[in-house]
N, C-alpha and C. Protein backbone atom coordinates (compact mmCIF):
# COMPACT_ATOMS: atom_id res chain seq x y z
N MET A 1 102.36 96.73 123.87
CA MET A 1 103.26 96.77 122.71
C MET A 1 102.65 97.65 121.63
N LEU A 2 103.46 98.51 121.02
CA LEU A 2 103.00 99.37 119.93
C LEU A 2 101.77 100.18 120.32
N ARG A 3 101.67 100.53 121.61
CA ARG A 3 100.56 101.35 122.12
C ARG A 3 99.21 100.66 121.97
N CYS A 4 99.22 99.35 121.97
CA CYS A 4 97.98 98.58 121.90
C CYS A 4 97.73 97.88 123.23
N GLY A 5 96.47 97.60 123.56
CA GLY A 5 96.15 96.87 124.78
C GLY A 5 96.20 95.38 124.51
N THR A 6 97.23 94.71 124.97
CA THR A 6 97.38 93.29 124.69
C THR A 6 96.52 92.47 125.65
N PHE A 7 95.63 91.65 125.10
CA PHE A 7 94.70 90.82 125.86
C PHE A 7 93.77 91.65 126.73
N ALA A 8 93.57 92.90 126.38
CA ALA A 8 92.58 93.72 127.08
C ALA A 8 91.22 93.50 126.43
N ASP A 9 90.15 93.70 127.21
CA ASP A 9 88.82 93.55 126.62
C ASP A 9 88.29 94.86 126.05
N HIS A 10 89.03 95.97 126.27
CA HIS A 10 88.72 97.25 125.64
C HIS A 10 90.03 97.95 125.30
N ALA A 11 90.00 98.79 124.29
CA ALA A 11 91.17 99.59 123.93
C ALA A 11 90.72 100.93 123.39
N VAL A 12 91.43 101.99 123.73
CA VAL A 12 91.15 103.33 123.21
C VAL A 12 92.25 103.67 122.20
N VAL A 13 91.87 103.92 120.98
CA VAL A 13 92.85 104.22 119.93
C VAL A 13 92.45 105.49 119.20
N HIS A 14 93.41 106.12 118.57
CA HIS A 14 93.12 107.28 117.72
C HIS A 14 92.30 106.81 116.52
N GLU A 15 91.43 107.69 116.04
CA GLU A 15 90.58 107.31 114.91
C GLU A 15 91.37 106.87 113.69
N ALA A 16 92.60 107.40 113.53
CA ALA A 16 93.43 107.01 112.39
C ALA A 16 93.87 105.56 112.48
N CYS A 17 93.79 104.97 113.68
CA CYS A 17 94.23 103.59 113.88
C CYS A 17 93.06 102.60 113.81
N ALA A 18 91.86 103.11 113.65
CA ALA A 18 90.68 102.25 113.55
C ALA A 18 90.32 102.06 112.08
N VAL A 19 90.32 100.82 111.63
CA VAL A 19 90.08 100.52 110.22
C VAL A 19 88.79 99.71 110.09
N LYS A 20 87.90 100.19 109.26
CA LYS A 20 86.63 99.50 109.05
C LYS A 20 86.80 98.38 108.04
N VAL A 21 86.31 97.19 108.40
CA VAL A 21 86.34 96.05 107.48
C VAL A 21 84.91 95.52 107.36
N PRO A 22 84.62 94.75 106.32
CA PRO A 22 83.24 94.26 106.12
C PRO A 22 82.74 93.45 107.31
N GLN A 23 81.52 93.71 107.72
CA GLN A 23 80.93 92.98 108.84
C GLN A 23 80.77 91.50 108.54
N GLU A 24 80.72 91.14 107.25
CA GLU A 24 80.52 89.73 106.89
C GLU A 24 81.73 88.86 107.21
N LEU A 25 82.89 89.48 107.39
CA LEU A 25 84.09 88.71 107.68
C LEU A 25 84.08 88.28 109.14
N PRO A 26 84.16 86.98 109.43
CA PRO A 26 84.16 86.51 110.82
C PRO A 26 85.24 87.21 111.64
N ILE A 27 84.90 87.56 112.87
CA ILE A 27 85.81 88.36 113.69
C ILE A 27 87.15 87.67 113.90
N GLU A 28 87.14 86.32 114.03
CA GLU A 28 88.41 85.63 114.26
C GLU A 28 89.34 85.71 113.05
N GLN A 29 88.76 85.89 111.85
CA GLN A 29 89.58 86.10 110.66
C GLN A 29 90.02 87.55 110.54
N ALA A 30 89.13 88.46 110.89
CA ALA A 30 89.47 89.88 110.81
C ALA A 30 90.64 90.24 111.72
N THR A 31 90.74 89.56 112.87
CA THR A 31 91.82 89.86 113.81
C THR A 31 93.19 89.57 113.21
N LEU A 32 93.25 88.72 112.21
CA LEU A 32 94.54 88.33 111.64
C LEU A 32 95.10 89.35 110.66
N LEU A 33 94.26 90.27 110.20
CA LEU A 33 94.68 91.16 109.12
C LEU A 33 95.86 92.03 109.50
N ALA A 34 95.88 92.50 110.74
CA ALA A 34 96.99 93.36 111.16
C ALA A 34 98.22 92.52 111.47
N CYS A 35 99.36 93.13 111.33
CA CYS A 35 100.66 92.56 111.69
C CYS A 35 100.96 91.26 110.95
N GLY A 36 100.75 90.10 111.58
CA GLY A 36 101.22 88.85 111.02
C GLY A 36 100.83 88.59 109.59
N PHE A 37 99.52 88.62 109.29
CA PHE A 37 99.10 88.31 107.93
C PHE A 37 99.48 89.40 106.95
N SER A 38 99.20 90.66 107.31
CA SER A 38 99.51 91.75 106.38
C SER A 38 101.02 91.90 106.17
N THR A 39 101.82 91.54 107.17
CA THR A 39 103.27 91.59 107.00
C THR A 39 103.71 90.60 105.93
N GLY A 40 103.21 89.37 106.04
CA GLY A 40 103.60 88.36 105.06
C GLY A 40 103.02 88.61 103.69
N ALA A 41 101.70 88.78 103.64
CA ALA A 41 101.05 89.01 102.34
C ALA A 41 101.55 90.30 101.71
N GLY A 42 101.71 91.34 102.53
CA GLY A 42 102.17 92.62 102.01
C GLY A 42 103.57 92.56 101.42
N ALA A 43 104.40 91.67 101.95
CA ALA A 43 105.75 91.53 101.40
C ALA A 43 105.71 91.16 99.92
N ALA A 44 104.78 90.26 99.58
CA ALA A 44 104.65 89.83 98.18
C ALA A 44 103.76 90.74 97.35
N LEU A 45 102.82 91.43 98.03
CA LEU A 45 101.88 92.29 97.30
C LEU A 45 102.41 93.69 97.06
N TRP A 46 103.10 94.25 98.07
CA TRP A 46 103.45 95.67 98.01
C TRP A 46 104.93 95.97 98.23
N ALA A 47 105.57 95.30 99.18
CA ALA A 47 106.97 95.63 99.47
C ALA A 47 107.89 95.21 98.32
N THR A 48 107.74 93.98 97.88
CA THR A 48 108.48 93.47 96.73
C THR A 48 107.45 92.85 95.80
N PRO A 49 106.75 93.63 95.02
CA PRO A 49 105.60 93.11 94.28
C PRO A 49 105.97 91.97 93.33
N VAL A 50 105.41 90.82 93.63
CA VAL A 50 105.62 89.64 92.80
C VAL A 50 104.92 89.85 91.46
N ARG A 51 105.57 89.45 90.39
CA ARG A 51 104.99 89.62 89.06
C ARG A 51 104.14 88.41 88.67
N ASP A 52 103.20 88.63 87.79
CA ASP A 52 102.36 87.56 87.28
C ASP A 52 103.21 86.47 86.64
N GLU A 53 102.94 85.23 87.01
CA GLU A 53 103.63 84.04 86.49
C GLU A 53 105.09 83.93 86.93
N SER A 54 105.53 84.74 87.88
CA SER A 54 106.92 84.67 88.33
C SER A 54 107.12 83.51 89.30
N SER A 55 108.40 83.22 89.60
CA SER A 55 108.74 82.13 90.52
C SER A 55 109.12 82.71 91.87
N VAL A 56 108.65 82.04 92.93
CA VAL A 56 108.78 82.54 94.29
C VAL A 56 109.22 81.41 95.21
N ALA A 57 110.06 81.72 96.19
CA ALA A 57 110.38 80.78 97.26
C ALA A 57 110.18 81.47 98.59
N VAL A 58 109.64 80.75 99.55
CA VAL A 58 109.40 81.28 100.89
C VAL A 58 110.11 80.37 101.88
N ILE A 59 111.12 80.91 102.56
CA ILE A 59 111.83 80.15 103.57
C ILE A 59 111.23 80.46 104.94
N GLY A 60 110.66 79.44 105.56
CA GLY A 60 109.97 79.61 106.84
C GLY A 60 108.48 79.67 106.62
N CYS A 61 107.78 78.57 106.88
CA CYS A 61 106.35 78.49 106.59
C CYS A 61 105.52 78.49 107.87
N GLY A 62 105.87 79.39 108.79
CA GLY A 62 105.00 79.67 109.92
C GLY A 62 103.89 80.60 109.47
N GLY A 63 103.24 81.26 110.42
CA GLY A 63 102.12 82.12 110.06
C GLY A 63 102.48 83.21 109.08
N VAL A 64 103.63 83.86 109.27
CA VAL A 64 104.03 84.95 108.38
C VAL A 64 104.42 84.41 107.00
N GLY A 65 105.19 83.33 106.97
CA GLY A 65 105.59 82.75 105.70
C GLY A 65 104.40 82.25 104.89
N LEU A 66 103.43 81.65 105.57
CA LEU A 66 102.22 81.20 104.88
C LEU A 66 101.45 82.38 104.30
N ALA A 67 101.48 83.51 104.99
CA ALA A 67 100.84 84.72 104.47
C ALA A 67 101.58 85.23 103.23
N VAL A 68 102.91 85.09 103.19
CA VAL A 68 103.66 85.44 101.98
C VAL A 68 103.17 84.59 100.81
N ILE A 69 102.97 83.30 101.06
CA ILE A 69 102.48 82.41 100.01
C ILE A 69 101.12 82.89 99.50
N GLN A 70 100.24 83.28 100.42
CA GLN A 70 98.93 83.78 100.02
C GLN A 70 99.05 85.07 99.19
N GLY A 71 99.97 85.95 99.60
CA GLY A 71 100.17 87.18 98.84
C GLY A 71 100.70 86.90 97.44
N ALA A 72 101.64 85.96 97.34
CA ALA A 72 102.20 85.60 96.03
C ALA A 72 101.13 84.96 95.15
N LEU A 73 100.27 84.15 95.77
CA LEU A 73 99.16 83.54 95.03
C LEU A 73 98.21 84.61 94.51
N LEU A 74 97.92 85.59 95.36
CA LEU A 74 97.03 86.68 94.96
C LEU A 74 97.64 87.51 93.84
N ARG A 75 98.97 87.58 93.80
CA ARG A 75 99.68 88.32 92.75
C ARG A 75 99.78 87.53 91.44
N GLY A 76 99.41 86.25 91.48
CA GLY A 76 99.43 85.46 90.26
C GLY A 76 100.75 84.78 89.97
N ALA A 77 101.54 84.50 91.02
CA ALA A 77 102.82 83.81 90.81
C ALA A 77 102.59 82.47 90.14
N GLY A 78 103.50 82.10 89.25
CA GLY A 78 103.36 80.85 88.53
C GLY A 78 103.89 79.65 89.29
N GLN A 79 104.92 79.88 90.11
CA GLN A 79 105.51 78.80 90.91
C GLN A 79 105.84 79.35 92.29
N ILE A 80 105.37 78.66 93.32
CA ILE A 80 105.61 79.07 94.70
C ILE A 80 106.17 77.87 95.45
N VAL A 81 107.39 78.02 95.96
CA VAL A 81 108.06 76.92 96.68
C VAL A 81 108.13 77.27 98.16
N GLY A 82 107.54 76.43 99.00
CA GLY A 82 107.63 76.61 100.44
C GLY A 82 108.77 75.78 101.00
N VAL A 83 109.58 76.38 101.85
CA VAL A 83 110.75 75.70 102.43
C VAL A 83 110.64 75.73 103.95
N ASP A 84 110.74 74.57 104.58
CA ASP A 84 110.71 74.49 106.03
C ASP A 84 111.26 73.13 106.45
N VAL A 85 111.38 72.94 107.77
CA VAL A 85 111.87 71.66 108.29
C VAL A 85 110.75 70.87 108.97
N ALA A 86 109.58 71.48 109.12
CA ALA A 86 108.46 70.84 109.82
C ALA A 86 107.43 70.33 108.80
N PRO A 87 107.15 69.02 108.79
CA PRO A 87 106.20 68.46 107.82
C PRO A 87 104.82 69.11 107.88
N GLU A 88 104.35 69.44 109.11
CA GLU A 88 103.01 70.01 109.21
C GLU A 88 102.96 71.41 108.61
N LYS A 89 104.07 72.14 108.67
CA LYS A 89 104.10 73.47 108.06
C LYS A 89 104.13 73.36 106.54
N LEU A 90 104.83 72.37 106.04
CA LEU A 90 104.86 72.17 104.58
C LEU A 90 103.49 71.73 104.08
N GLU A 91 102.76 70.99 104.91
CA GLU A 91 101.40 70.60 104.54
C GLU A 91 100.50 71.84 104.44
N HIS A 92 100.63 72.74 105.41
CA HIS A 92 99.88 74.00 105.34
C HIS A 92 100.26 74.80 104.09
N ALA A 93 101.56 74.80 103.79
CA ALA A 93 102.04 75.56 102.64
C ALA A 93 101.38 75.08 101.35
N ARG A 94 101.29 73.77 101.18
CA ARG A 94 100.62 73.22 99.99
C ARG A 94 99.15 73.62 99.96
N ALA A 95 98.49 73.51 101.11
CA ALA A 95 97.06 73.81 101.16
C ALA A 95 96.79 75.28 100.88
N LEU A 96 97.76 76.15 101.17
CA LEU A 96 97.55 77.59 101.03
C LEU A 96 98.15 78.17 99.75
N GLY A 97 98.59 77.29 98.84
CA GLY A 97 98.98 77.81 97.53
C GLY A 97 100.35 77.45 97.00
N ALA A 98 101.21 76.81 97.82
CA ALA A 98 102.53 76.44 97.31
C ALA A 98 102.39 75.36 96.24
N THR A 99 103.07 75.55 95.14
CA THR A 99 103.06 74.52 94.08
C THR A 99 104.05 73.42 94.37
N ASP A 100 105.08 73.74 95.17
CA ASP A 100 106.11 72.78 95.54
C ASP A 100 106.53 73.05 96.98
N VAL A 101 107.02 72.03 97.67
CA VAL A 101 107.57 72.22 99.01
C VAL A 101 108.91 71.52 99.10
N VAL A 102 109.77 72.04 99.98
CA VAL A 102 111.11 71.47 100.19
C VAL A 102 111.33 71.28 101.68
N ASP A 103 111.65 70.06 102.07
CA ASP A 103 111.97 69.75 103.46
C ASP A 103 113.45 70.03 103.66
N ALA A 104 113.76 71.16 104.29
CA ALA A 104 115.15 71.58 104.44
C ALA A 104 115.91 70.73 105.45
N SER A 105 115.22 69.85 106.18
CA SER A 105 115.91 68.95 107.10
C SER A 105 116.42 67.71 106.38
N ALA A 106 115.94 67.50 105.15
CA ALA A 106 116.31 66.29 104.41
C ALA A 106 117.21 66.58 103.22
N VAL A 107 117.14 67.79 102.66
CA VAL A 107 117.92 68.12 101.47
C VAL A 107 118.48 69.53 101.61
N ASP A 108 119.45 69.85 100.77
CA ASP A 108 119.96 71.22 100.69
C ASP A 108 118.88 72.06 100.00
N PRO A 109 118.28 73.03 100.70
CA PRO A 109 117.17 73.77 100.09
C PRO A 109 117.58 74.57 98.86
N VAL A 110 118.82 75.07 98.83
CA VAL A 110 119.26 75.84 97.67
C VAL A 110 119.31 74.95 96.44
N GLU A 111 119.93 73.78 96.58
CA GLU A 111 120.00 72.85 95.45
C GLU A 111 118.61 72.37 95.04
N ALA A 112 117.75 72.11 96.04
CA ALA A 112 116.41 71.60 95.74
C ALA A 112 115.58 72.63 94.99
N VAL A 113 115.63 73.89 95.42
CA VAL A 113 114.86 74.93 94.75
C VAL A 113 115.39 75.16 93.34
N ARG A 114 116.68 75.15 93.18
CA ARG A 114 117.25 75.34 91.84
C ARG A 114 116.86 74.19 90.92
N GLU A 115 116.80 72.98 91.47
CA GLU A 115 116.38 71.84 90.66
C GLU A 115 114.91 72.00 90.23
N LEU A 116 114.09 72.48 91.15
CA LEU A 116 112.68 72.68 90.84
C LEU A 116 112.46 73.77 89.80
N THR A 117 113.42 74.68 89.68
CA THR A 117 113.28 75.80 88.73
C THR A 117 114.18 75.62 87.51
N GLY A 118 114.55 74.40 87.23
CA GLY A 118 115.36 74.14 86.04
C GLY A 118 116.77 74.70 86.12
N GLY A 119 117.28 74.85 87.34
CA GLY A 119 118.64 75.35 87.54
C GLY A 119 118.75 76.86 87.63
N ARG A 120 117.66 77.57 87.39
CA ARG A 120 117.73 79.04 87.34
C ARG A 120 117.67 79.69 88.71
N GLY A 121 116.91 79.11 89.61
CA GLY A 121 116.61 79.79 90.86
C GLY A 121 115.31 80.57 90.71
N VAL A 122 114.89 81.23 91.77
CA VAL A 122 113.61 81.95 91.75
C VAL A 122 113.83 83.44 91.55
N GLU A 123 112.81 84.09 91.03
CA GLU A 123 112.88 85.54 90.83
C GLU A 123 112.70 86.30 92.14
N PHE A 124 111.90 85.71 93.06
CA PHE A 124 111.63 86.35 94.35
C PHE A 124 111.80 85.34 95.48
N ALA A 125 112.65 85.65 96.43
CA ALA A 125 112.84 84.79 97.60
C ALA A 125 112.52 85.59 98.86
N PHE A 126 111.75 84.99 99.75
CA PHE A 126 111.33 85.67 100.97
C PHE A 126 111.85 84.91 102.18
N PHE A 127 112.55 85.62 103.05
CA PHE A 127 113.05 85.05 104.30
C PHE A 127 112.03 85.37 105.39
N ALA A 128 111.37 84.32 105.89
CA ALA A 128 110.33 84.50 106.91
C ALA A 128 110.61 83.68 108.16
N GLY A 129 111.86 83.34 108.38
CA GLY A 129 112.22 82.60 109.59
C GLY A 129 113.38 81.66 109.33
N GLY A 130 114.08 81.31 110.41
CA GLY A 130 115.16 80.34 110.28
C GLY A 130 116.53 80.90 110.60
N GLY A 131 116.62 82.19 110.93
CA GLY A 131 117.89 82.78 111.31
C GLY A 131 118.74 83.19 110.12
N ALA A 132 119.92 83.73 110.42
CA ALA A 132 120.82 84.25 109.38
C ALA A 132 121.20 83.21 108.33
N PRO A 133 121.44 81.94 108.70
CA PRO A 133 121.75 80.95 107.65
C PRO A 133 120.63 80.82 106.62
N ALA A 134 119.38 80.91 107.07
CA ALA A 134 118.27 80.81 106.14
C ALA A 134 118.20 82.04 105.22
N LEU A 135 118.57 83.20 105.74
CA LEU A 135 118.61 84.40 104.90
C LEU A 135 119.68 84.26 103.83
N ALA A 136 120.83 83.71 104.20
CA ALA A 136 121.88 83.46 103.21
C ALA A 136 121.39 82.51 102.13
N GLN A 137 120.61 81.50 102.53
CA GLN A 137 120.04 80.57 101.56
C GLN A 137 119.07 81.29 100.62
N ALA A 138 118.29 82.21 101.16
CA ALA A 138 117.34 82.96 100.32
C ALA A 138 118.08 83.72 99.23
N ILE A 139 119.22 84.27 99.57
CA ILE A 139 120.02 84.99 98.57
C ILE A 139 120.58 84.02 97.54
N ARG A 140 121.05 82.87 97.99
CA ARG A 140 121.69 81.91 97.09
C ARG A 140 120.72 81.21 96.15
N LEU A 141 119.47 81.13 96.51
CA LEU A 141 118.53 80.44 95.61
C LEU A 141 117.84 81.40 94.64
N CYS A 142 118.27 82.67 94.65
CA CYS A 142 117.72 83.63 93.69
C CYS A 142 118.31 83.41 92.29
N ALA A 143 117.49 83.65 91.30
CA ALA A 143 117.97 83.66 89.92
C ALA A 143 118.77 84.93 89.67
N TYR A 144 119.38 85.04 88.50
CA TYR A 144 120.09 86.26 88.13
C TYR A 144 119.14 87.45 88.21
N ALA A 145 119.58 88.52 88.87
CA ALA A 145 118.79 89.73 89.07
C ALA A 145 117.55 89.48 89.92
N GLY A 146 117.63 88.46 90.77
CA GLY A 146 116.50 88.15 91.65
C GLY A 146 116.44 89.06 92.87
N TRP A 147 115.31 88.97 93.58
CA TRP A 147 115.07 89.78 94.78
C TRP A 147 114.99 88.87 95.99
N ALA A 148 115.71 89.20 97.05
CA ALA A 148 115.58 88.52 98.34
C ALA A 148 115.03 89.54 99.34
N THR A 149 113.96 89.18 100.01
CA THR A 149 113.28 90.11 100.92
C THR A 149 113.28 89.57 102.34
N ILE A 150 113.71 90.41 103.28
CA ILE A 150 113.70 90.03 104.69
C ILE A 150 112.33 90.38 105.26
N VAL A 151 111.57 89.35 105.61
CA VAL A 151 110.24 89.55 106.18
C VAL A 151 110.27 89.28 107.68
N GLY A 152 110.92 88.17 108.06
CA GLY A 152 111.04 87.83 109.47
C GLY A 152 112.08 88.70 110.17
N LEU A 153 111.88 88.92 111.44
CA LEU A 153 112.79 89.77 112.23
C LEU A 153 114.04 88.99 112.60
N PRO A 154 115.23 89.41 112.14
CA PRO A 154 116.47 88.71 112.51
C PRO A 154 116.77 88.89 114.00
N ALA A 155 117.42 87.92 114.58
CA ALA A 155 117.82 88.03 115.98
C ALA A 155 118.89 89.11 116.14
N PRO A 156 118.89 89.85 117.25
CA PRO A 156 119.92 90.87 117.47
C PRO A 156 121.32 90.27 117.37
N GLY A 157 122.21 90.99 116.71
CA GLY A 157 123.59 90.52 116.57
C GLY A 157 123.82 89.53 115.45
N SER A 158 122.77 89.24 114.65
CA SER A 158 122.93 88.29 113.54
C SER A 158 123.91 88.83 112.50
N ARG A 159 124.67 87.93 111.91
CA ARG A 159 125.63 88.28 110.87
C ARG A 159 125.36 87.43 109.63
N LEU A 160 125.52 88.04 108.46
CA LEU A 160 125.21 87.36 107.21
C LEU A 160 126.50 86.87 106.56
N ASP A 161 126.59 85.57 106.32
CA ASP A 161 127.77 84.96 105.71
C ASP A 161 127.50 84.70 104.22
N VAL A 162 127.85 85.68 103.40
CA VAL A 162 127.61 85.59 101.96
C VAL A 162 128.85 86.05 101.22
N ASP A 163 129.20 85.34 100.17
CA ASP A 163 130.31 85.75 99.30
C ASP A 163 129.81 86.93 98.46
N LEU A 164 130.22 88.13 98.80
CA LEU A 164 129.67 89.32 98.16
C LEU A 164 129.93 89.35 96.67
N ASP A 165 131.05 88.79 96.21
CA ASP A 165 131.37 88.81 94.79
C ASP A 165 130.58 87.73 94.05
N ALA A 166 130.74 86.48 94.48
CA ALA A 166 130.17 85.35 93.73
C ALA A 166 128.68 85.19 93.94
N GLU A 167 128.17 85.51 95.12
CA GLU A 167 126.78 85.22 95.44
C GLU A 167 125.88 86.46 95.48
N PHE A 168 126.48 87.63 95.41
CA PHE A 168 125.68 88.84 95.54
C PHE A 168 125.90 89.81 94.38
N PHE A 169 127.14 90.28 94.21
CA PHE A 169 127.43 91.25 93.17
C PHE A 169 127.32 90.62 91.78
N GLY A 170 127.95 89.47 91.60
CA GLY A 170 127.95 88.81 90.29
C GLY A 170 126.55 88.52 89.76
N PRO A 171 125.70 87.86 90.55
CA PRO A 171 124.35 87.56 90.06
C PRO A 171 123.35 88.71 90.21
N ARG A 172 123.83 89.88 90.65
CA ARG A 172 123.00 91.10 90.74
C ARG A 172 121.77 90.92 91.62
N ILE A 173 121.97 90.39 92.80
CA ILE A 173 120.86 90.16 93.72
C ILE A 173 120.48 91.47 94.42
N THR A 174 119.22 91.72 94.53
CA THR A 174 118.71 92.85 95.31
C THR A 174 118.21 92.33 96.65
N LEU A 175 118.71 92.91 97.74
CA LEU A 175 118.27 92.54 99.08
C LEU A 175 117.47 93.70 99.66
N THR A 176 116.26 93.40 100.08
CA THR A 176 115.39 94.46 100.61
C THR A 176 114.75 94.02 101.92
N VAL A 177 114.22 94.98 102.64
CA VAL A 177 113.60 94.75 103.94
C VAL A 177 112.18 95.31 103.92
N THR A 178 111.25 94.58 104.51
CA THR A 178 109.92 95.12 104.69
C THR A 178 109.60 95.24 106.17
N HIS A 179 109.00 96.33 106.56
CA HIS A 179 108.49 96.51 107.91
C HIS A 179 106.97 96.41 107.85
N GLY A 180 106.44 95.32 108.34
CA GLY A 180 104.99 95.17 108.36
C GLY A 180 104.35 95.01 106.99
N GLY A 181 105.13 94.55 106.01
CA GLY A 181 104.57 94.37 104.67
C GLY A 181 104.37 95.65 103.90
N ASP A 182 104.89 96.78 104.46
CA ASP A 182 104.71 98.09 103.81
C ASP A 182 103.24 98.38 103.54
N THR A 183 102.38 97.95 104.43
CA THR A 183 100.95 98.13 104.22
C THR A 183 100.48 99.52 104.62
N ILE A 184 99.42 99.96 103.99
CA ILE A 184 98.69 101.17 104.37
C ILE A 184 97.36 100.66 104.93
N PRO A 185 97.24 100.58 106.26
CA PRO A 185 96.08 99.90 106.86
C PRO A 185 94.73 100.34 106.33
N GLN A 186 94.51 101.65 106.18
CA GLN A 186 93.20 102.13 105.75
C GLN A 186 92.82 101.63 104.36
N GLU A 187 93.82 101.35 103.54
CA GLU A 187 93.56 100.85 102.18
C GLU A 187 93.69 99.34 102.09
N ASP A 188 94.72 98.81 102.74
CA ASP A 188 95.10 97.42 102.50
C ASP A 188 94.32 96.41 103.35
N PHE A 189 93.95 96.77 104.58
CA PHE A 189 93.17 95.84 105.39
C PHE A 189 91.80 95.56 104.76
N PRO A 190 91.06 96.59 104.33
CA PRO A 190 89.80 96.30 103.64
C PRO A 190 89.99 95.48 102.36
N PHE A 191 91.08 95.75 101.64
CA PHE A 191 91.37 94.97 100.43
C PHE A 191 91.55 93.49 100.77
N LEU A 192 92.34 93.21 101.81
CA LEU A 192 92.57 91.81 102.21
C LEU A 192 91.29 91.18 102.74
N ALA A 193 90.51 91.95 103.46
CA ALA A 193 89.24 91.43 103.98
C ALA A 193 88.32 91.03 102.83
N GLN A 194 88.23 91.87 101.82
CA GLN A 194 87.38 91.56 100.67
C GLN A 194 87.93 90.36 99.90
N ALA A 195 89.25 90.27 99.80
CA ALA A 195 89.86 89.12 99.13
C ALA A 195 89.49 87.82 99.85
N ALA A 196 89.42 87.88 101.19
CA ALA A 196 89.02 86.70 101.95
C ALA A 196 87.55 86.36 101.68
N LEU A 197 86.70 87.37 101.65
CA LEU A 197 85.28 87.14 101.39
C LEU A 197 85.04 86.61 99.98
N ASP A 198 85.90 87.03 99.05
CA ASP A 198 85.77 86.58 97.66
C ASP A 198 86.40 85.20 97.43
N GLY A 199 87.08 84.66 98.45
CA GLY A 199 87.72 83.37 98.31
C GLY A 199 89.07 83.40 97.63
N ARG A 200 89.64 84.60 97.48
CA ARG A 200 90.95 84.70 96.83
C ARG A 200 92.10 84.46 97.80
N ILE A 201 91.86 84.61 99.09
CA ILE A 201 92.80 84.18 100.12
C ILE A 201 92.01 83.39 101.15
N ASP A 202 92.70 82.56 101.92
CA ASP A 202 92.04 81.65 102.83
C ASP A 202 92.41 81.98 104.28
N LEU A 203 91.79 83.01 104.84
CA LEU A 203 92.05 83.36 106.22
C LEU A 203 91.54 82.30 107.19
N ALA A 204 90.50 81.60 106.80
CA ALA A 204 89.90 80.61 107.70
C ALA A 204 90.90 79.53 108.11
N ARG A 205 91.75 79.11 107.18
CA ARG A 205 92.70 78.04 107.50
C ARG A 205 93.75 78.52 108.50
N PHE A 206 94.00 79.82 108.56
CA PHE A 206 94.98 80.33 109.50
C PHE A 206 94.48 80.24 110.94
N VAL A 207 93.17 80.21 111.13
CA VAL A 207 92.61 80.12 112.48
C VAL A 207 92.52 78.66 112.87
N THR A 208 93.58 78.16 113.50
CA THR A 208 93.62 76.76 113.88
C THR A 208 92.67 76.48 115.04
N SER A 209 92.56 77.43 115.96
CA SER A 209 91.65 77.25 117.09
C SER A 209 91.27 78.60 117.67
N THR A 210 90.14 78.64 118.38
CA THR A 210 89.73 79.82 119.13
C THR A 210 89.59 79.44 120.60
N ILE A 211 89.94 80.37 121.47
CA ILE A 211 89.86 80.14 122.91
C ILE A 211 89.23 81.36 123.57
N SER A 212 88.86 81.21 124.82
CA SER A 212 88.34 82.35 125.56
C SER A 212 89.50 83.14 126.13
N LEU A 213 89.23 84.38 126.51
CA LEU A 213 90.28 85.22 127.09
C LEU A 213 90.83 84.60 128.38
N ASP A 214 89.97 83.91 129.11
CA ASP A 214 90.40 83.28 130.37
C ASP A 214 91.40 82.14 130.13
N GLU A 215 91.40 81.56 128.94
CA GLU A 215 92.29 80.44 128.64
C GLU A 215 93.68 80.87 128.19
N VAL A 216 93.86 82.17 127.96
CA VAL A 216 95.12 82.66 127.41
C VAL A 216 96.35 82.25 128.24
N PRO A 217 96.38 82.47 129.56
CA PRO A 217 97.58 82.12 130.32
C PRO A 217 97.97 80.65 130.20
N GLU A 218 96.96 79.78 130.15
CA GLU A 218 97.23 78.35 130.05
C GLU A 218 97.74 77.97 128.66
N ARG A 219 97.19 78.61 127.62
CA ARG A 219 97.52 78.21 126.25
C ARG A 219 98.79 78.86 125.71
N LEU A 220 99.17 80.01 126.23
CA LEU A 220 100.32 80.73 125.67
C LEU A 220 101.57 79.88 125.52
N PRO A 221 101.96 79.08 126.53
CA PRO A 221 103.20 78.29 126.38
C PRO A 221 103.13 77.25 125.26
N HIS A 222 101.94 76.96 124.78
CA HIS A 222 101.77 75.88 123.79
C HIS A 222 101.40 76.39 122.40
N ILE A 223 101.40 77.71 122.24
CA ILE A 223 101.05 78.27 120.94
C ILE A 223 102.03 77.78 119.88
N GLY A 224 101.51 77.33 118.75
CA GLY A 224 102.35 76.88 117.65
C GLY A 224 102.64 75.40 117.64
N GLU A 225 102.21 74.68 118.67
CA GLU A 225 102.48 73.24 118.73
C GLU A 225 101.53 72.48 117.82
N GLY A 226 101.99 71.34 117.34
CA GLY A 226 101.13 70.45 116.56
C GLY A 226 100.63 71.03 115.26
N GLY A 227 101.43 71.87 114.64
CA GLY A 227 101.03 72.43 113.36
C GLY A 227 100.07 73.59 113.45
N GLU A 228 99.91 74.14 114.65
CA GLU A 228 99.00 75.26 114.84
C GLU A 228 99.54 76.51 114.13
N ILE A 229 98.68 77.22 113.44
CA ILE A 229 99.09 78.46 112.77
C ILE A 229 98.77 79.64 113.66
N ARG A 230 97.48 79.86 113.95
CA ARG A 230 97.08 80.99 114.78
C ARG A 230 95.97 80.55 115.74
N THR A 231 96.12 80.95 117.00
CA THR A 231 95.07 80.78 118.00
C THR A 231 94.50 82.15 118.31
N VAL A 232 93.18 82.28 118.25
CA VAL A 232 92.54 83.57 118.46
C VAL A 232 91.74 83.53 119.75
N ALA A 233 91.99 84.51 120.62
CA ALA A 233 91.25 84.62 121.86
C ALA A 233 90.04 85.52 121.65
N LEU A 234 88.86 85.02 122.00
CA LEU A 234 87.62 85.75 121.81
C LEU A 234 86.97 86.07 123.15
N LEU A 235 86.33 87.22 123.22
CA LEU A 235 85.56 87.58 124.41
C LEU A 235 84.24 86.82 124.42
N GLY A 236 83.79 86.47 125.61
CA GLY A 236 82.48 85.86 125.73
C GLY A 236 82.48 84.37 125.45
């Protein structure tokens, strides 16, 4: 995939694709910087830059959504609301910087987020999973002139059910898309690595477990179970 050797023990890449990160960063944490983490964190850091003390909501608190929370935290957001249906994911969201969480299986997330923000809604909403209905919710929970950002990949053929006048044009919502967090690897991966070493982001919590390369076929069907965020396969 993407011209990379998946589960290979060696890979040949162009020098432009090799990014140097501090040796002090544990290898299992460094592996997370590309794709999943930088996509989520980059959405809040660079694609739709969250402002200091602003309000943020993240719909979908899997690995990418949790990285959005970390990016918003690094940006200095004043309120970060994590929205999901899985209690273990909401627990991770709190541990990784969410000031509030909403169980979307128990309440209407749009009403709940608006209640948490004094009826205004959030300035930045990030869709990181849950399908087209969740994206519509991200738009609806935005404050006036708010931003909704598509971080998670929508399923092919998805359609968005939104009242363009009342829910989009009237409240002046901006809808944007990020591909990979709009990161510049040579600049942004070292920045994130240093942020982890400085304790400003918590990459260690994302590594739920490590396994050997030989264990990959057995573990693949169970990835993500039991509140797992990321499993890292290590050589040796």
